[in-house]
Amino acid sequence: MADEKKAELLWNELETNLANIDEDVIIENAVSIDMDLEGGDVGIEDTLYQYFSDEYKASEA
């Protein structure tokens, strides 16, 4: 199969999958993410900043 045909097939599959996204599954998975925030969402910005700073050596520009 030619590269062009493969790319077209993959693109068609992507579009089909995007049209059939199950939002309920995405929301259910997002709600169940455990970020080890024992106090609820308090301090989430600091927690995420610390995580990304440590994990990816991110810094403010």
C-alpha atoms as a PDB file:
ATOM      1  CA  MET A   1       0.000   0.000   0.000  1.00  0.00           C
ATOM      2  CA  ALA A   2       1.391   3.377  -0.960  1.00  0.00           C
ATOM      3  CA  ASP A   3       2.253   5.871   1.776  1.00  0.00           C
ATOM      4  CA  GLU A   4      -0.391   8.260   0.486  1.00  0.00           C
ATOM      5  CA  LYS A   5      -3.105   5.590   0.769  1.00  0.00           C
ATOM      6  CA  LYS A   6      -1.940   4.685   4.292  1.00  0.00           C
ATOM      7  CA  ALA A   7      -2.104   8.322   5.350  1.00  0.00           C
ATOM      8  CA  GLU A   8      -5.608   8.661   3.901  1.00  0.00           C
ATOM      9  CA  LEU A   9      -6.764   5.495   5.684  1.00  0.00           C
ATOM     10  CA  LEU A  10      -5.314   6.663   9.001  1.00  0.00           C
ATOM     11  CA  TRP A  11      -6.889  10.104   8.589  1.00  0.00           C
ATOM     12  CA  ASN A  12     -10.291   8.524   7.863  1.00  0.00           C
ATOM     13  CA  GLU A  13      -9.985   6.334  10.964  1.00  0.00           C
ATOM     14  CA  LEU A  14      -9.072   9.382  13.057  1.00  0.00           C
ATOM     15  CA  GLU A  15     -12.114  11.299  11.811  1.00  0.00           C
ATOM     16  CA  THR A  16     -14.370   8.309  12.495  1.00  0.00           C
ATOM     17  CA  ASN A  17     -13.013   7.924  16.008  1.00  0.00           C
ATOM     18  CA  LEU A  18     -13.377  11.647  16.705  1.00  0.00           C
ATOM     19  CA  ALA A  19     -17.010  11.491  15.594  1.00  0.00           C
ATOM     20  CA  ASN A  20     -17.655   8.658  18.051  1.00  0.00           C
ATOM     21  CA  ILE A  21     -16.046  10.034  21.209  1.00  0.00           C
ATOM     22  CA  ASP A  22     -17.869   8.961  24.363  1.00  0.00           C
ATOM     23  CA  GLU A  23     -17.844  12.072  26.562  1.00  0.00           C
ATOM     24  CA  ASP A  24     -19.194  10.122  29.538  1.00  0.00           C
ATOM     25  CA  VAL A  25     -16.109   7.880  29.581  1.00  0.00           C
ATOM     26  CA  ILE A  26     -13.796  10.892  29.372  1.00  0.00           C
ATOM     27  CA  ILE A  27     -15.585  12.665  32.222  1.00  0.00           C
ATOM     28  CA  GLU A  28     -15.683   9.512  34.349  1.00  0.00           C
ATOM     29  CA  ASN A  29     -11.943   8.987  33.869  1.00  0.00           C
ATOM     30  CA  ALA A  30     -11.161  12.639  34.600  1.00  0.00           C
ATOM     31  CA  VAL A  31     -13.194  12.641  37.808  1.00  0.00           C
ATOM     32  CA  SER A  32     -11.449   9.522  39.065  1.00  0.00           C
ATOM     33  CA  ILE A  33      -7.903  10.921  38.705  1.00  0.00           C
ATOM     34  CA  ASP A  34      -6.188  10.838  42.078  1.00  0.00           C
ATOM     35  CA  MET A  35      -3.804  13.751  42.458  1.00  0.00           C
ATOM     36  CA  ASP A  36      -3.045  13.054  46.124  1.00  0.00           C
ATOM     37  CA  LEU A  37      -4.799  16.239  47.171  1.00  0.00           C
ATOM     38  CA  GLU A  38      -5.916  15.180  50.632  1.00  0.00           C
ATOM     39  CA  GLY A  39      -7.396  18.605  51.348  1.00  0.00           C
ATOM     40  CA  GLY A  40      -9.554  18.651  48.227  1.00  0.00           C
ATOM     41  CA  ASP A  41      -8.769  21.060  45.415  1.00  0.00           C
ATOM     42  CA  VAL A  42      -7.152  23.577  47.760  1.00  0.00           C
ATOM     43  CA  GLY A  43      -3.703  24.464  46.475  1.00  0.00           C
ATOM     44  CA  ILE A  44      -4.118  22.658  43.168  1.00  0.00           C
ATOM     45  CA  GLU A  45      -2.272  25.406  41.268  1.00  0.00           C
ATOM     46  CA  ASP A  46       0.738  25.107  43.587  1.00  0.00           C
ATOM     47  CA  THR A  47       0.621  21.319  43.400  1.00  0.00           C
ATOM     48  CA  LEU A  48       0.556  21.323  39.586  1.00  0.00           C
ATOM     49  CA  TYR A  49       3.273  23.976  39.410  1.00  0.00           C
ATOM     50  CA  GLN A  50       5.480  21.909  41.719  1.00  0.00           C
ATOM     51  CA  TYR A  51       4.812  18.717  39.760  1.00  0.00           C
ATOM     52  CA  PHE A  52       5.638  20.254  36.374  1.00  0.00           C
ATOM     53  CA  SER A  53       8.652  22.075  37.778  1.00  0.00           C
ATOM     54  CA  ASP A  54      10.050  18.850  39.183  1.00  0.00           C
ATOM     55  CA  GLU A  55       8.990  16.538  36.352  1.00  0.00           C
ATOM     56  CA  TYR A  56       9.807  18.683  33.343  1.00  0.00           C
ATOM     57  CA  LYS A  57      12.120  21.297  34.827  1.00  0.00           C
ATOM     58  CA  ALA A  58       9.565  23.888  33.755  1.00  0.00           C
ATOM     59  CA  SER A  59      10.212  27.462  34.627  1.00  0.00           C
ATOM     60  CA  GLU A  60       8.367  30.696  34.164  1.00  0.00           C
ATOM     61  CA  ALA A  61       9.300  32.576  31.026  1.00  0.00           C
END
